[in-house]
């Protein structure tokens, strides 16, 4: 789901990365899947930026519906 923000199955791009985000761009180029079917985190310098983006996307573009009052006190 998170990757669909970058480019979905029909080719729509909905999230753009600023060229100044050097570590995030490096993450996209170097982070790979390990044999355990999880992200390879063997390089301590990698995956932090892309993990952070993933958490943001999951929060900001959640597929869960919101009903009622949220912690902010707003009614959605």
N, C-alpha and C. Protein backbone atom coordinates (compact mmCIF):
# COMPACT_ATOMS: atom_id res chain seq x y z
N UNK A 1 0.82 -1.20 0.00
CA UNK A 1 0.00 0.00 0.00
C UNK A 1 0.86 1.26 0.00
N UNK A 2 1.93 1.25 0.80
CA UNK A 2 2.76 2.45 0.87
C UNK A 2 3.42 2.75 -0.47
N UNK A 3 3.87 1.70 -1.16
CA UNK A 3 4.51 1.92 -2.45
C UNK A 3 3.55 2.51 -3.46
N UNK A 4 2.26 2.26 -3.31
CA UNK A 4 1.26 2.80 -4.24
C UNK A 4 1.21 4.32 -4.16
N UNK A 5 1.65 4.90 -3.09
CA UNK A 5 1.72 6.37 -3.01
C UNK A 5 2.77 6.90 -3.97
N UNK A 6 3.85 6.14 -4.14
CA UNK A 6 4.89 6.56 -5.08
C UNK A 6 4.42 6.35 -6.52
N UNK A 7 3.98 5.14 -6.82
CA UNK A 7 3.40 4.85 -8.14
C UNK A 7 2.48 3.65 -7.98
N UNK A 8 1.22 3.82 -8.35
CA UNK A 8 0.26 2.74 -8.19
C UNK A 8 0.23 1.84 -9.42
N UNK A 9 -0.65 0.86 -9.41
CA UNK A 9 -0.68 -0.14 -10.49
C UNK A 9 -1.05 0.42 -11.85
N UNK A 10 -1.72 1.57 -11.90
CA UNK A 10 -2.04 2.17 -13.19
C UNK A 10 -1.03 3.24 -13.60
N UNK A 11 0.02 3.42 -12.78
CA UNK A 11 1.10 4.35 -13.12
C UNK A 11 0.93 5.76 -12.59
N UNK A 12 -0.08 6.00 -11.76
CA UNK A 12 -0.27 7.33 -11.17
C UNK A 12 0.75 7.54 -10.05
N UNK A 13 1.41 8.70 -10.06
CA UNK A 13 2.33 9.06 -9.00
C UNK A 13 1.64 10.08 -8.11
N UNK A 14 1.58 9.79 -6.80
CA UNK A 14 0.87 10.69 -5.88
C UNK A 14 1.78 11.21 -4.77
N UNK A 15 3.01 10.76 -4.74
CA UNK A 15 3.97 11.23 -3.73
C UNK A 15 5.29 11.48 -4.44
N UNK A 16 5.82 12.66 -4.27
CA UNK A 16 7.07 13.03 -4.92
C UNK A 16 8.12 13.28 -3.84
N UNK A 17 9.33 12.87 -4.10
CA UNK A 17 10.44 13.02 -3.16
C UNK A 17 11.32 14.17 -3.62
N UNK A 18 11.55 15.11 -2.72
CA UNK A 18 12.41 16.25 -3.01
C UNK A 18 13.85 15.75 -3.22
N UNK A 19 14.54 16.22 -4.25
CA UNK A 19 15.92 15.79 -4.50
C UNK A 19 16.87 16.07 -3.34
N UNK A 20 16.51 16.98 -2.43
CA UNK A 20 17.37 17.27 -1.28
C UNK A 20 17.29 16.18 -0.21
N UNK A 21 16.34 15.26 -0.31
CA UNK A 21 16.19 14.16 0.66
C UNK A 21 17.17 13.04 0.31
N UNK A 22 18.43 13.32 0.47
CA UNK A 22 19.51 12.42 0.03
C UNK A 22 19.44 11.04 0.70
N UNK A 23 19.24 11.00 2.01
CA UNK A 23 19.22 9.71 2.71
C UNK A 23 18.01 8.87 2.29
N UNK A 24 16.88 9.50 2.10
CA UNK A 24 15.69 8.78 1.66
C UNK A 24 15.91 8.20 0.26
N UNK A 25 16.50 8.98 -0.62
CA UNK A 25 16.79 8.50 -1.97
C UNK A 25 17.80 7.35 -1.93
N UNK A 26 18.81 7.45 -1.06
CA UNK A 26 19.76 6.34 -0.90
C UNK A 26 19.05 5.09 -0.39
N UNK A 27 18.15 5.27 0.56
CA UNK A 27 17.38 4.13 1.06
C UNK A 27 16.62 3.45 -0.07
N UNK A 28 15.93 4.22 -0.88
CA UNK A 28 15.17 3.63 -1.98
C UNK A 28 16.07 2.86 -2.93
N UNK A 29 17.29 3.33 -3.09
CA UNK A 29 18.21 2.66 -4.01
C UNK A 29 18.92 1.46 -3.42
N UNK A 30 19.07 1.41 -2.10
CA UNK A 30 19.91 0.38 -1.49
C UNK A 30 19.20 -0.63 -0.59
N UNK A 31 18.05 -0.27 -0.04
CA UNK A 31 17.35 -1.19 0.86
C UNK A 31 16.70 -2.29 0.02
N UNK A 32 16.91 -3.53 0.44
CA UNK A 32 16.38 -4.68 -0.30
C UNK A 32 15.63 -5.60 0.65
N UNK A 33 14.96 -6.57 0.08
CA UNK A 33 14.26 -7.59 0.86
C UNK A 33 15.25 -8.68 1.21
N UNK A 34 15.22 -9.12 2.46
CA UNK A 34 16.07 -10.23 2.92
C UNK A 34 15.39 -11.55 2.57
N UNK A 35 16.12 -12.63 2.74
CA UNK A 35 15.59 -13.97 2.45
C UNK A 35 14.40 -14.30 3.34
N UNK A 36 14.27 -13.61 4.47
CA UNK A 36 13.17 -13.86 5.41
C UNK A 36 11.89 -13.15 5.00
N UNK A 37 11.89 -12.55 3.81
CA UNK A 37 10.74 -11.81 3.28
C UNK A 37 10.45 -10.56 4.10
N UNK A 38 11.48 -10.00 4.68
CA UNK A 38 11.39 -8.72 5.39
C UNK A 38 12.49 -7.81 4.86
N UNK A 39 12.40 -6.54 5.17
CA UNK A 39 13.42 -5.59 4.72
C UNK A 39 14.74 -5.92 5.38
N UNK A 40 15.80 -5.93 4.58
CA UNK A 40 17.15 -6.22 5.08
C UNK A 40 17.67 -5.00 5.82
N UNK A 41 17.83 -5.13 7.13
CA UNK A 41 18.32 -4.03 7.97
C UNK A 41 19.73 -4.30 8.47
N UNK A 42 20.51 -5.05 7.71
CA UNK A 42 21.87 -5.39 8.13
C UNK A 42 22.81 -4.18 8.06
N UNK A 43 22.52 -3.21 7.21
CA UNK A 43 23.31 -1.98 7.14
C UNK A 43 22.67 -0.96 8.07
N UNK A 44 23.34 -0.62 9.18
CA UNK A 44 22.73 0.30 10.16
C UNK A 44 22.47 1.70 9.62
N UNK A 45 23.10 2.06 8.51
CA UNK A 45 22.89 3.39 7.94
C UNK A 45 21.67 3.43 7.03
N UNK A 46 21.09 2.29 6.74
CA UNK A 46 19.98 2.22 5.80
C UNK A 46 18.66 1.91 6.48
N UNK A 47 17.61 2.24 5.87
CA UNK A 47 16.21 1.95 6.17
C UNK A 47 15.56 2.91 7.16
N UNK A 48 16.30 3.76 7.83
CA UNK A 48 15.67 4.67 8.79
C UNK A 48 14.77 5.69 8.09
N UNK A 49 15.28 6.30 7.05
CA UNK A 49 14.51 7.34 6.35
C UNK A 49 13.27 6.75 5.67
N UNK A 50 13.45 5.61 5.01
CA UNK A 50 12.30 5.00 4.33
C UNK A 50 11.28 4.45 5.33
N UNK A 51 11.74 3.94 6.48
CA UNK A 51 10.82 3.52 7.54
C UNK A 51 9.99 4.71 8.02
N UNK A 52 10.66 5.85 8.25
CA UNK A 52 9.96 7.04 8.73
C UNK A 52 8.91 7.49 7.73
N UNK A 53 9.25 7.47 6.45
CA UNK A 53 8.27 7.83 5.43
C UNK A 53 7.10 6.86 5.44
N UNK A 54 7.39 5.58 5.60
CA UNK A 54 6.32 4.57 5.65
C UNK A 54 5.38 4.81 6.81
N UNK A 55 5.92 5.15 7.99
CA UNK A 55 5.07 5.44 9.14
C UNK A 55 4.19 6.66 8.89
N UNK A 56 4.78 7.69 8.27
CA UNK A 56 4.00 8.89 7.95
C UNK A 56 2.86 8.56 6.99
N UNK A 57 3.16 7.81 5.93
CA UNK A 57 2.14 7.46 4.94
C UNK A 57 1.03 6.64 5.59
N UNK A 58 1.42 5.68 6.43
CA UNK A 58 0.41 4.85 7.10
C UNK A 58 -0.51 5.70 7.97
N UNK A 59 0.03 6.72 8.62
CA UNK A 59 -0.77 7.59 9.48
C UNK A 59 -1.61 8.58 8.66
N UNK A 60 -0.98 9.23 7.71
CA UNK A 60 -1.65 10.30 6.97
C UNK A 60 -2.66 9.78 5.95
N UNK A 61 -2.42 8.60 5.40
CA UNK A 61 -3.27 8.08 4.34
C UNK A 61 -3.84 6.72 4.72
N UNK A 62 -4.22 6.58 5.95
CA UNK A 62 -4.74 5.31 6.45
C UNK A 62 -5.96 4.87 5.67
N UNK A 63 -6.10 3.58 5.46
CA UNK A 63 -7.26 3.05 4.78
C UNK A 63 -8.41 2.84 5.76
N UNK A 64 -8.14 3.00 7.06
CA UNK A 64 -9.19 2.87 8.07
C UNK A 64 -10.07 4.11 8.03
N UNK A 65 -11.36 3.92 8.15
CA UNK A 65 -12.26 5.04 8.23
C UNK A 65 -12.20 5.66 9.62
N UNK A 66 -12.40 6.95 9.70
CA UNK A 66 -12.43 7.62 10.99
C UNK A 66 -13.84 8.12 11.24
N UNK A 67 -14.37 7.74 12.38
CA UNK A 67 -15.73 8.14 12.75
C UNK A 67 -15.68 8.67 14.17
N UNK A 68 -16.35 9.78 14.42
CA UNK A 68 -16.43 10.30 15.76
C UNK A 68 -15.30 11.26 16.10
N UNK A 69 -14.99 11.33 17.37
CA UNK A 69 -14.02 12.28 17.86
C UNK A 69 -12.63 11.67 17.92
N UNK A 70 -11.65 12.43 17.48
CA UNK A 70 -10.25 12.00 17.54
C UNK A 70 -9.59 12.68 18.73
N UNK A 71 -8.36 12.30 19.01
CA UNK A 71 -7.61 12.88 20.14
C UNK A 71 -7.47 14.40 20.03
N UNK A 72 -7.48 14.92 18.80
CA UNK A 72 -7.32 16.36 18.63
C UNK A 72 -8.55 17.14 19.07
N UNK A 73 -9.66 16.43 19.32
CA UNK A 73 -10.87 17.10 19.72
C UNK A 73 -11.76 17.48 18.56
N UNK A 74 -11.28 17.23 17.33
CA UNK A 74 -12.08 17.55 16.15
C UNK A 74 -13.05 16.41 15.85
N UNK A 75 -14.18 16.76 15.34
CA UNK A 75 -15.13 15.75 14.85
C UNK A 75 -14.84 15.57 13.37
N UNK A 76 -14.66 14.33 12.95
CA UNK A 76 -14.33 14.06 11.55
C UNK A 76 -15.54 13.49 10.87
